[in-house]
């Protein structure tokens, strides 16, 4: 039988090359033993059963094959809240918090309606609903599995001000007007090299937009005017090389006050515009 300390050291060695081998080894072992990292550090001499050690070693192997840590432990923190994640949704990224910040800064803290297209795990909708209880948020996804997961997350976080609807972009949304439309749609091209390794385990339809990587934005922006109030805001997250192309799409659709927001790494991450 191994001790906690021995398994942690094994994990740190195995995970060399990941962003933080020690942290990941601790999180994986804590997941297997159903305890937090503090307990691991407090009782390093504790013995671990052969079954638990085998499960842990299998998780280490999956991690070395680029499977996201969030899928292995079944959760990911976003906006300081815990979210359940599975392979049916993208893992929420820290840079997506910039989209949440942008929307919060653009709209007043009073009753209004927002539409999120492609909610995935529900992270964006839940973050906004948590910060603005007076807002009503309609969150959509084409994936039934994603919607089921998003509903679970909203329920676990006690956020009743979100309505989840199955829809391919606007197709399932009754014609109505929202104060804002937000989306973090698929934005990779079909031949993006990251798909072969870094993103191998995440859902393809949540990553790839088409040949150019702009197809989702074209579909969203083309119909968005029909669902926005005059003066309403539309904000989208995108790849750092796509900002200018998306600005052009907004301009061609008649939008005004087009601007791009940079993330903490200094990369163009969110572009927003207003309906005249």
C-alpha atoms as a PDB file:
ATOM      1  CA  UNK A   1       0.000   0.000   0.000  1.00  0.00           C
ATOM      2  CA  UNK A   2       1.114   3.532  -0.798  1.00  0.00           C
ATOM      3  CA  UNK A   3       1.052   6.523   1.507  1.00  0.00           C
ATOM      4  CA  UNK A   4      -0.486   9.854   0.523  1.00  0.00           C
ATOM      5  CA  UNK A   5       2.988  11.373   0.284  1.00  0.00           C
ATOM      6  CA  UNK A   6       4.232   8.602  -2.001  1.00  0.00           C
ATOM      7  CA  UNK A   7       1.285   8.930  -4.353  1.00  0.00           C
ATOM      8  CA  UNK A   8       1.636  12.697  -4.485  1.00  0.00           C
ATOM      9  CA  UNK A   9       5.298  12.404  -5.393  1.00  0.00           C
ATOM     10  CA  UNK A  10       4.412   9.838  -8.042  1.00  0.00           C
ATOM     11  CA  UNK A  11       1.830  12.226  -9.437  1.00  0.00           C
ATOM     12  CA  UNK A  12       4.189  15.208  -9.511  1.00  0.00           C
ATOM     13  CA  UNK A  13       6.746  13.191 -11.482  1.00  0.00           C
ATOM     14  CA  UNK A  14       4.128  11.807 -13.881  1.00  0.00           C
ATOM     15  CA  UNK A  15       2.596  15.213 -14.552  1.00  0.00           C
ATOM     16  CA  UNK A  16       5.804  17.050 -15.419  1.00  0.00           C
ATOM     17  CA  UNK A  17       4.950  19.201 -18.425  1.00  0.00           C
ATOM     18  CA  UNK A  18       1.517  20.284 -17.170  1.00  0.00           C
ATOM     19  CA  UNK A  19       0.977  23.845 -15.926  1.00  0.00           C
ATOM     20  CA  UNK A  20       1.234  22.936 -12.224  1.00  0.00           C
ATOM     21  CA  UNK A  21       2.168  19.292 -11.540  1.00  0.00           C
ATOM     22  CA  UNK A  22       1.905  19.544  -7.738  1.00  0.00           C
ATOM     23  CA  UNK A  23      -1.472  21.247  -7.745  1.00  0.00           C
ATOM     24  CA  UNK A  24      -2.903  18.811 -10.276  1.00  0.00           C
ATOM     25  CA  UNK A  25      -1.555  15.790  -8.403  1.00  0.00           C
ATOM     26  CA  UNK A  26      -3.143  17.088  -5.196  1.00  0.00           C
ATOM     27  CA  UNK A  27      -6.486  17.769  -6.859  1.00  0.00           C
ATOM     28  CA  UNK A  28      -6.607  14.340  -8.475  1.00  0.00           C
ATOM     29  CA  UNK A  29      -5.667  12.494  -5.295  1.00  0.00           C
ATOM     30  CA  UNK A  30      -8.103  14.588  -3.254  1.00  0.00           C
ATOM     31  CA  UNK A  31     -10.804  13.677  -5.750  1.00  0.00           C
ATOM     32  CA  UNK A  32     -10.066   9.960  -5.408  1.00  0.00           C
ATOM     33  CA  UNK A  33      -9.911  10.108  -1.608  1.00  0.00           C
ATOM     34  CA  UNK A  34     -12.872  12.510  -1.362  1.00  0.00           C
ATOM     35  CA  UNK A  35     -10.960  15.026   0.727  1.00  0.00           C
ATOM     36  CA  UNK A  36      -9.517  18.495   0.314  1.00  0.00           C
ATOM     37  CA  UNK A  37      -5.878  19.431  -0.228  1.00  0.00           C
ATOM     38  CA  UNK A  38      -5.452  20.551   3.378  1.00  0.00           C
ATOM     39  CA  UNK A  39      -6.183  17.052   4.639  1.00  0.00           C
ATOM     40  CA  UNK A  40      -3.673  15.611   2.165  1.00  0.00           C
ATOM     41  CA  UNK A  41      -0.981  17.896   3.546  1.00  0.00           C
ATOM     42  CA  UNK A  42      -1.964  17.229   7.161  1.00  0.00           C
ATOM     43  CA  UNK A  43      -1.845  13.436   6.933  1.00  0.00           C
ATOM     44  CA  UNK A  44       0.899  12.568   4.394  1.00  0.00           C
ATOM     45  CA  UNK A  45       1.612   9.244   6.124  1.00  0.00           C
ATOM     46  CA  UNK A  46      -1.965   7.955   5.697  1.00  0.00           C
ATOM     47  CA  UNK A  47      -2.211   4.704   3.787  1.00  0.00           C
ATOM     48  CA  UNK A  48      -4.214   4.537   0.572  1.00  0.00           C
ATOM     49  CA  UNK A  49      -5.954   1.347  -0.542  1.00  0.00           C
ATOM     50  CA  UNK A  50      -4.747  -0.494  -3.616  1.00  0.00           C
ATOM     51  CA  UNK A  51      -8.052   0.231  -5.354  1.00  0.00           C
ATOM     52  CA  UNK A  52      -7.787   3.958  -4.727  1.00  0.00           C
ATOM     53  CA  UNK A  53      -4.156   3.999  -5.824  1.00  0.00           C
ATOM     54  CA  UNK A  54      -5.091   2.240  -9.075  1.00  0.00           C
ATOM     55  CA  UNK A  55      -7.868   4.750  -9.774  1.00  0.00           C
ATOM     56  CA  UNK A  56      -5.482   7.630  -9.092  1.00  0.00           C
ATOM     57  CA  UNK A  57      -2.811   6.212 -11.390  1.00  0.00           C
ATOM     58  CA  UNK A  58      -5.386   5.779 -14.150  1.00  0.00           C
ATOM     59  CA  UNK A  59      -6.376   9.440 -13.788  1.00  0.00           C
ATOM     60  CA  UNK A  60      -2.720  10.471 -13.984  1.00  0.00           C
ATOM     61  CA  UNK A  61      -2.372   8.556 -17.234  1.00  0.00           C
ATOM     62  CA  UNK A  62      -5.453  10.226 -18.711  1.00  0.00           C
ATOM     63  CA  UNK A  63      -4.073  13.620 -17.723  1.00  0.00           C
ATOM     64  CA  UNK A  64      -0.793  12.926 -19.527  1.00  0.00           C
ATOM     65  CA  UNK A  65      -2.905  12.288 -22.632  1.00  0.00           C
ATOM     66  CA  UNK A  66      -4.152  15.903 -22.451  1.00  0.00           C
ATOM     67  CA  UNK A  67      -7.565  15.136 -20.978  1.00  0.00           C
ATOM     68  CA  UNK A  68      -8.626  18.304 -19.112  1.00  0.00           C
ATOM     69  CA  UNK A  69      -8.293  18.174 -15.349  1.00  0.00           C
ATOM     70  CA  UNK A  70     -11.872  19.443 -15.031  1.00  0.00           C
ATOM     71  CA  UNK A  71     -13.215  16.344 -16.781  1.00  0.00           C
ATOM     72  CA  UNK A  72     -11.182  14.060 -14.534  1.00  0.00           C
ATOM     73  CA  UNK A  73     -12.489  15.572 -11.303  1.00  0.00           C
ATOM     74  CA  UNK A  74     -15.879  16.574 -12.724  1.00  0.00           C
ATOM     75  CA  UNK A  75     -15.824  20.239 -11.763  1.00  0.00           C
ATOM     76  CA  UNK A  76     -14.332  23.628 -12.575  1.00  0.00           C
ATOM     77  CA  UNK A  77     -14.412  26.957 -10.789  1.00  0.00           C
ATOM     78  CA  UNK A  78     -15.663  29.986 -12.727  1.00  0.00           C
ATOM     79  CA  UNK A  79     -16.454  33.415 -11.286  1.00  0.00           C
ATOM     80  CA  UNK A  80     -15.552  31.956  -7.868  1.00  0.00           C
ATOM     81  CA  UNK A  81     -18.380  29.421  -8.176  1.00  0.00           C
ATOM     82  CA  UNK A  82     -18.143  25.625  -8.622  1.00  0.00           C
ATOM     83  CA  UNK A  83     -19.506  24.166 -11.851  1.00  0.00           C
ATOM     84  CA  UNK A  84     -20.090  20.552 -12.701  1.00  0.00           C
ATOM     85  CA  UNK A  85     -18.542  19.726 -16.071  1.00  0.00           C
ATOM     86  CA  UNK A  86     -18.624  16.694 -18.336  1.00  0.00           C
ATOM     87  CA  UNK A  87     -17.314  15.952 -21.797  1.00  0.00           C
ATOM     88  CA  UNK A  88     -20.590  17.261 -23.238  1.00  0.00           C
ATOM     89  CA  UNK A  89     -19.475  20.862 -22.608  1.00  0.00           C
ATOM     90  CA  UNK A  90     -16.395  23.013 -22.943  1.00  0.00           C
ATOM     91  CA  UNK A  91     -14.378  23.553 -19.792  1.00  0.00           C
ATOM     92  CA  UNK A  92     -15.048  27.151 -18.634  1.00  0.00           C
ATOM     93  CA  UNK A  93     -11.964  29.335 -19.212  1.00  0.00           C
ATOM     94  CA  UNK A  94     -10.725  32.170 -16.987  1.00  0.00           C
ATOM     95  CA  UNK A  95     -10.619  34.547 -19.968  1.00  0.00           C
ATOM     96  CA  UNK A  96     -14.367  34.130 -20.424  1.00  0.00           C
ATOM     97  CA  UNK A  97     -14.833  36.035 -17.173  1.00  0.00           C
ATOM     98  CA  UNK A  98     -13.929  39.098 -19.262  1.00  0.00           C
ATOM     99  CA  UNK A  99     -17.201  38.638 -21.159  1.00  0.00           C
ATOM    100  CA  UNK A 100     -19.120  38.557 -17.873  1.00  0.00           C
ATOM    101  CA  UNK A 101     -17.353  41.714 -16.665  1.00  0.00           C
ATOM    102  CA  UNK A 102     -18.108  43.497 -19.931  1.00  0.00           C
ATOM    103  CA  UNK A 103     -21.830  42.732 -19.813  1.00  0.00           C
ATOM    104  CA  UNK A 104     -22.099  43.745 -16.148  1.00  0.00           C
ATOM    105  CA  UNK A 105     -20.430  47.074 -16.950  1.00  0.00           C
ATOM    106  CA  UNK A 106     -22.726  47.782 -19.905  1.00  0.00           C
ATOM    107  CA  UNK A 107     -26.134  47.266 -18.316  1.00  0.00           C
ATOM    108  CA  UNK A 108     -27.910  48.783 -15.308  1.00  0.00           C
ATOM    109  CA  UNK A 109     -28.760  46.805 -12.197  1.00  0.00           C
ATOM    110  CA  UNK A 110     -32.506  46.819 -12.801  1.00  0.00           C
ATOM    111  CA  UNK A 111     -35.071  44.366 -14.221  1.00  0.00           C
ATOM    112  CA  UNK A 112     -34.261  43.483 -17.827  1.00  0.00           C
ATOM    113  CA  UNK A 113     -33.920  40.440 -20.090  1.00  0.00           C
ATOM    114  CA  UNK A 114     -30.781  38.964 -21.630  1.00  0.00           C
ATOM    115  CA  UNK A 115     -30.242  36.175 -24.131  1.00  0.00           C
ATOM    116  CA  UNK A 116     -27.209  33.897 -24.045  1.00  0.00           C
ATOM    117  CA  UNK A 117     -26.618  31.765 -27.129  1.00  0.00           C
ATOM    118  CA  UNK A 118     -24.669  28.542 -26.602  1.00  0.00           C
ATOM    119  CA  UNK A 119     -24.627  28.329 -22.814  1.00  0.00           C
ATOM    120  CA  UNK A 120     -22.703  25.052 -22.463  1.00  0.00           C
ATOM    121  CA  UNK A 121     -22.182  24.427 -18.746  1.00  0.00           C
ATOM    122  CA  UNK A 122     -24.194  27.555 -17.959  1.00  0.00           C
ATOM    123  CA  UNK A 123     -21.162  29.325 -16.491  1.00  0.00           C
ATOM    124  CA  UNK A 124     -21.766  32.719 -18.110  1.00  0.00           C
ATOM    125  CA  UNK A 125     -25.515  32.754 -17.461  1.00  0.00           C
ATOM    126  CA  UNK A 126     -25.020  31.652 -13.858  1.00  0.00           C
ATOM    127  CA  UNK A 127     -22.342  34.272 -13.195  1.00  0.00           C
ATOM    128  CA  UNK A 128     -24.601  37.017 -14.532  1.00  0.00           C
ATOM    129  CA  UNK A 129     -27.655  35.686 -12.703  1.00  0.00           C
ATOM    130  CA  UNK A 130     -25.694  35.582  -9.461  1.00  0.00           C
ATOM    131  CA  UNK A 131     -24.487  39.171  -9.815  1.00  0.00           C
ATOM    132  CA  UNK A 132     -27.827  40.545 -11.048  1.00  0.00           C
ATOM    133  CA  UNK A 133     -30.802  38.770  -9.409  1.00  0.00           C
ATOM    134  CA  UNK A 134     -33.188  41.271 -11.050  1.00  0.00           C
ATOM    135  CA  UNK A 135     -32.150  40.197 -14.541  1.00  0.00           C
ATOM    136  CA  UNK A 136     -34.016  37.458 -16.377  1.00  0.00           C
ATOM    137  CA  UNK A 137     -31.650  35.415 -18.504  1.00  0.00           C
ATOM    138  CA  UNK A 138     -32.681  33.112 -21.327  1.00  0.00           C
ATOM    139  CA  UNK A 139     -29.872  30.621 -22.018  1.00  0.00           C
ATOM    140  CA  UNK A 140     -29.866  28.327 -25.039  1.00  0.00           C
ATOM    141  CA  UNK A 141     -27.890  25.445 -26.444  1.00  0.00           C
ATOM    142  CA  UNK A 142     -28.236  23.028 -29.339  1.00  0.00           C
ATOM    143  CA  UNK A 143     -27.076  20.167 -27.098  1.00  0.00           C
ATOM    144  CA  UNK A 144     -29.648  18.529 -24.824  1.00  0.00           C
ATOM    145  CA  UNK A 145     -26.814  17.126 -22.685  1.00  0.00           C
ATOM    146  CA  UNK A 146     -25.353  20.605 -22.223  1.00  0.00           C
ATOM    147  CA  UNK A 147     -28.737  22.035 -21.261  1.00  0.00           C
ATOM    148  CA  UNK A 148     -29.292  19.288 -18.692  1.00  0.00           C
ATOM    149  CA  UNK A 149     -25.913  20.039 -17.143  1.00  0.00           C
ATOM    150  CA  UNK A 150     -26.499  23.811 -17.193  1.00  0.00           C
ATOM    151  CA  UNK A 151     -29.836  23.331 -15.422  1.00  0.00           C
ATOM    152  CA  UNK A 152     -28.123  21.217 -12.756  1.00  0.00           C
ATOM    153  CA  UNK A 153     -25.532  23.928 -12.189  1.00  0.00           C
ATOM    154  CA  UNK A 154     -28.137  26.687 -11.939  1.00  0.00           C
ATOM    155  CA  UNK A 155     -30.170  24.628  -9.466  1.00  0.00           C
ATOM    156  CA  UNK A 156     -27.116  23.794  -7.350  1.00  0.00           C
ATOM    157  CA  UNK A 157     -26.215  27.490  -7.221  1.00  0.00           C
ATOM    158  CA  UNK A 158     -29.816  28.474  -6.396  1.00  0.00           C
ATOM    159  CA  UNK A 159     -30.257  30.748  -9.413  1.00  0.00           C
ATOM    160  CA  UNK A 160     -33.941  30.746 -10.386  1.00  0.00           C
ATOM    161  CA  UNK A 161     -33.701  33.731 -12.759  1.00  0.00           C
ATOM    162  CA  UNK A 162     -32.453  31.653 -15.725  1.00  0.00           C
ATOM    163  CA  UNK A 163     -34.679  29.993 -18.313  1.00  0.00           C
ATOM    164  CA  UNK A 164     -33.058  27.285 -20.415  1.00  0.00           C
ATOM    165  CA  UNK A 165     -34.271  26.663 -23.982  1.00  0.00           C
ATOM    166  CA  UNK A 166     -33.146  24.141 -26.585  1.00  0.00           C
ATOM    167  CA  UNK A 167     -32.254  26.132 -29.687  1.00  0.00           C
ATOM    168  CA  UNK A 168     -29.826  26.301 -32.588  1.00  0.00           C
ATOM    169  CA  UNK A 169     -28.902  29.963 -32.180  1.00  0.00           C
ATOM    170  CA  UNK A 170     -32.211  31.857 -32.641  1.00  0.00           C
ATOM    171  CA  UNK A 171     -34.271  29.062 -34.193  1.00  0.00           C
ATOM    172  CA  UNK A 172     -36.092  28.028 -31.003  1.00  0.00           C
ATOM    173  CA  UNK A 173     -36.489  31.511 -29.517  1.00  0.00           C
ATOM    174  CA  UNK A 174     -39.901  33.185 -29.862  1.00  0.00           C
ATOM    175  CA  UNK A 175     -39.503  36.624 -31.409  1.00  0.00           C
ATOM    176  CA  UNK A 176     -38.988  39.110 -28.567  1.00  0.00           C
ATOM    177  CA  UNK A 177     -36.633  41.916 -27.618  1.00  0.00           C
ATOM    178  CA  UNK A 178     -33.724  41.647 -25.192  1.00  0.00           C
ATOM    179  CA  UNK A 179     -31.563  44.315 -23.609  1.00  0.00           C
ATOM    180  CA  UNK A 180     -28.496  42.278 -24.499  1.00  0.00           C
ATOM    181  CA  UNK A 181     -27.374  39.241 -26.449  1.00  0.00           C
ATOM    182  CA  UNK A 182     -24.210  37.465 -25.336  1.00  0.00           C
ATOM    183  CA  UNK A 183     -22.346  34.487 -26.704  1.00  0.00           C
ATOM    184  CA  UNK A 184     -19.084  32.596 -26.562  1.00  0.00           C
ATOM    185  CA  UNK A 185     -19.677  30.543 -29.708  1.00  0.00           C
ATOM    186  CA  UNK A 186     -17.385  28.058 -31.466  1.00  0.00           C
ATOM    187  CA  UNK A 187     -14.634  30.064 -33.121  1.00  0.00           C
ATOM    188  CA  UNK A 188     -11.983  27.627 -34.343  1.00  0.00           C
ATOM    189  CA  UNK A 189     -11.533  26.763 -38.002  1.00  0.00           C
ATOM    190  CA  UNK A 190     -11.811  23.133 -39.017  1.00  0.00           C
ATOM    191  CA  UNK A 191      -8.046  22.832 -39.561  1.00  0.00           C
ATOM    192  CA  UNK A 192      -6.916  24.564 -36.362  1.00  0.00           C
ATOM    193  CA  UNK A 193      -3.811  22.707 -35.091  1.00  0.00           C
ATOM    194  CA  UNK A 194      -4.957  22.920 -31.446  1.00  0.00           C
ATOM    195  CA  UNK A 195      -7.711  20.412 -32.210  1.00  0.00           C
ATOM    196  CA  UNK A 196      -5.143  17.645 -32.600  1.00  0.00           C
ATOM    197  CA  UNK A 197      -3.840  17.817 -29.037  1.00  0.00           C
ATOM    198  CA  UNK A 198      -4.824  20.569 -26.598  1.00  0.00           C
ATOM    199  CA  UNK A 199      -8.555  20.333 -27.328  1.00  0.00           C
ATOM    200  CA  UNK A 200      -8.754  16.701 -28.377  1.00  0.00           C
ATOM    201  CA  UNK A 201     -11.131  15.711 -25.574  1.00  0.00           C
ATOM    202  CA  UNK A 202     -13.572  18.635 -25.707  1.00  0.00           C
ATOM    203  CA  UNK A 203     -16.791  18.585 -27.781  1.00  0.00           C
ATOM    204  CA  UNK A 204     -16.043  19.313 -31.422  1.00  0.00           C
ATOM    205  CA  UNK A 205     -19.293  21.180 -32.106  1.00  0.00           C
ATOM    206  CA  UNK A 206     -18.533  23.593 -29.254  1.00  0.00           C
ATOM    207  CA  UNK A 207     -15.113  24.386 -30.699  1.00  0.00           C
ATOM    208  CA  UNK A 208     -15.346  24.409 -34.480  1.00  0.00           C
ATOM    209  CA  UNK A 209     -17.410  26.996 -36.303  1.00  0.00           C
ATOM    210  CA  UNK A 210     -16.626  25.963 -39.872  1.00  0.00           C
ATOM    211  CA  UNK A 211     -13.973  26.463 -42.513  1.00  0.00           C
ATOM    212  CA  UNK A 212     -13.105  30.031 -41.496  1.00  0.00           C
ATOM    213  CA  UNK A 213     -13.971  29.982 -37.797  1.00  0.00           C
ATOM    214  CA  UNK A 214     -16.338  32.932 -38.287  1.00  0.00           C
ATOM    215  CA  UNK A 215     -19.471  31.066 -39.357  1.00  0.00           C
ATOM    216  CA  UNK A 216     -21.118  31.136 -35.918  1.00  0.00           C
ATOM    217  CA  UNK A 217     -20.600  34.898 -35.636  1.00  0.00           C
ATOM    218  CA  UNK A 218     -22.063  35.435 -39.098  1.00  0.00           C
ATOM    219  CA  UNK A 219     -25.182  33.476 -38.146  1.00  0.00           C
ATOM    220  CA  UNK A 220     -25.595  35.230 -34.789  1.00  0.00           C
ATOM    221  CA  UNK A 221     -24.970  38.774 -35.976  1.00  0.00           C
ATOM    222  CA  UNK A 222     -27.181  38.412 -39.049  1.00  0.00           C
ATOM    223  CA  UNK A 223     -30.268  37.705 -36.916  1.00  0.00           C
ATOM    224  CA  UNK A 224     -29.406  39.579 -33.729  1.00  0.00           C
ATOM    225  CA  UNK A 225     -31.046  42.876 -34.748  1.00  0.00           C
ATOM    226  CA  UNK A 226     -34.427  41.145 -34.715  1.00  0.00           C
ATOM    227  CA  UNK A 227     -34.010  40.253 -31.029  1.00  0.00           C
ATOM    228  CA  UNK A 228     -32.426  43.393 -29.586  1.00  0.00           C
ATOM    229  CA  UNK A 229     -34.095  46.477 -28.173  1.00  0.00           C
ATOM    230  CA  UNK A 230     -33.050  49.779 -29.761  1.00  0.00           C
ATOM    231  CA  UNK A 231     -29.792  50.671 -28.054  1.00  0.00           C
ATOM    232  CA  UNK A 232     -29.373  47.066 -26.954  1.00  0.00           C
ATOM    233  CA  UNK A 233     -25.930  45.523 -26.516  1.00  0.00           C
ATOM    234  CA  UNK A 234     -24.454  42.480 -28.195  1.00  0.00           C
ATOM    235  CA  UNK A 235     -21.183  41.095 -26.832  1.00  0.00           C
ATOM    236  CA  UNK A 236     -19.240  38.064 -28.051  1.00  0.00           C
ATOM    237  CA  UNK A 237     -16.063  36.324 -27.001  1.00  0.00           C
ATOM    238  CA  UNK A 238     -13.672  35.372 -29.801  1.00  0.00           C
ATOM    239  CA  UNK A 239     -10.158  34.238 -30.655  1.00  0.00           C
ATOM    240  CA  UNK A 240      -7.425  36.842 -30.332  1.00  0.00           C
ATOM    241  CA  UNK A 241      -6.920  37.000 -34.116  1.00  0.00           C
ATOM    242  CA  UNK A 242     -10.592  37.515 -34.954  1.00  0.00           C
ATOM    243  CA  UNK A 243     -11.365  40.943 -33.488  1.00  0.00           C
ATOM    244  CA  UNK A 244     -11.064  42.941 -36.716  1.00  0.00           C
ATOM    245  CA  UNK A 245     -13.141  40.443 -38.701  1.00  0.00           C
ATOM    246  CA  UNK A 246     -15.917  40.537 -36.104  1.00  0.00           C
ATOM    247  CA  UNK A 247     -15.851  44.336 -36.001  1.00  0.00           C
ATOM    248  CA  UNK A 248     -16.456  44.299 -39.762  1.00  0.00           C
ATOM    249  CA  UNK A 249     -19.396  41.896 -39.327  1.00  0.00           C
ATOM    250  CA  UNK A 250     -20.960  44.259 -36.794  1.00  0.00           C
ATOM    251  CA  UNK A 251     -20.372  47.288 -38.994  1.00  0.00           C
ATOM    252  CA  UNK A 252     -21.910  45.596 -42.033  1.00  0.00           C
ATOM    253  CA  UNK A 253     -24.972  44.684 -39.918  1.00  0.00           C
ATOM    254  CA  UNK A 254     -25.504  48.344 -39.047  1.00  0.00           C
ATOM    255  CA  UNK A 255     -24.235  48.280 -35.472  1.00  0.00           C
ATOM    256  CA  UNK A 256     -22.720  51.320 -33.762  1.00  0.00           C
ATOM    257  CA  UNK A 257     -20.237  51.946 -30.921  1.00  0.00           C
ATOM    258  CA  UNK A 258     -18.215  48.872 -31.839  1.00  0.00           C
ATOM    259  CA  UNK A 259     -15.306  48.189 -29.502  1.00  0.00           C
ATOM    260  CA  UNK A 260     -13.005  45.372 -28.454  1.00  0.00           C
ATOM    261  CA  UNK A 261     -12.011  44.542 -24.872  1.00  0.00           C
ATOM    262  CA  UNK A 262      -8.685  42.933 -24.004  1.00  0.00           C
ATOM    263  CA  UNK A 263      -8.200  40.098 -21.520  1.00  0.00           C
ATOM    264  CA  UNK A 264      -5.694  39.993 -18.664  1.00  0.00           C
ATOM    265  CA  UNK A 265      -3.048  38.615 -21.027  1.00  0.00           C
ATOM    266  CA  UNK A 266      -3.427  41.719 -23.207  1.00  0.00           C
ATOM    267  CA  UNK A 267      -5.169  39.842 -26.026  1.00  0.00           C
ATOM    268  CA  UNK A 268      -8.326  41.078 -27.801  1.00  0.00           C
ATOM    269  CA  UNK A 269     -11.002  38.822 -26.321  1.00  0.00           C
ATOM    270  CA  UNK A 270     -14.491  40.416 -26.361  1.00  0.00           C
ATOM    271  CA  UNK A 271     -16.101  42.595 -29.021  1.00  0.00           C
ATOM    272  CA  UNK A 272     -19.327  44.450 -28.352  1.00  0.00           C
ATOM    273  CA  UNK A 273     -21.627  46.772 -30.242  1.00  0.00           C
ATOM    274  CA  UNK A 274     -24.966  48.536 -29.879  1.00  0.00           C
ATOM    275  CA  UNK A 275     -28.055  48.446 -32.018  1.00  0.00           C
ATOM    276  CA  UNK A 276     -28.982  51.944 -33.266  1.00  0.00           C
END
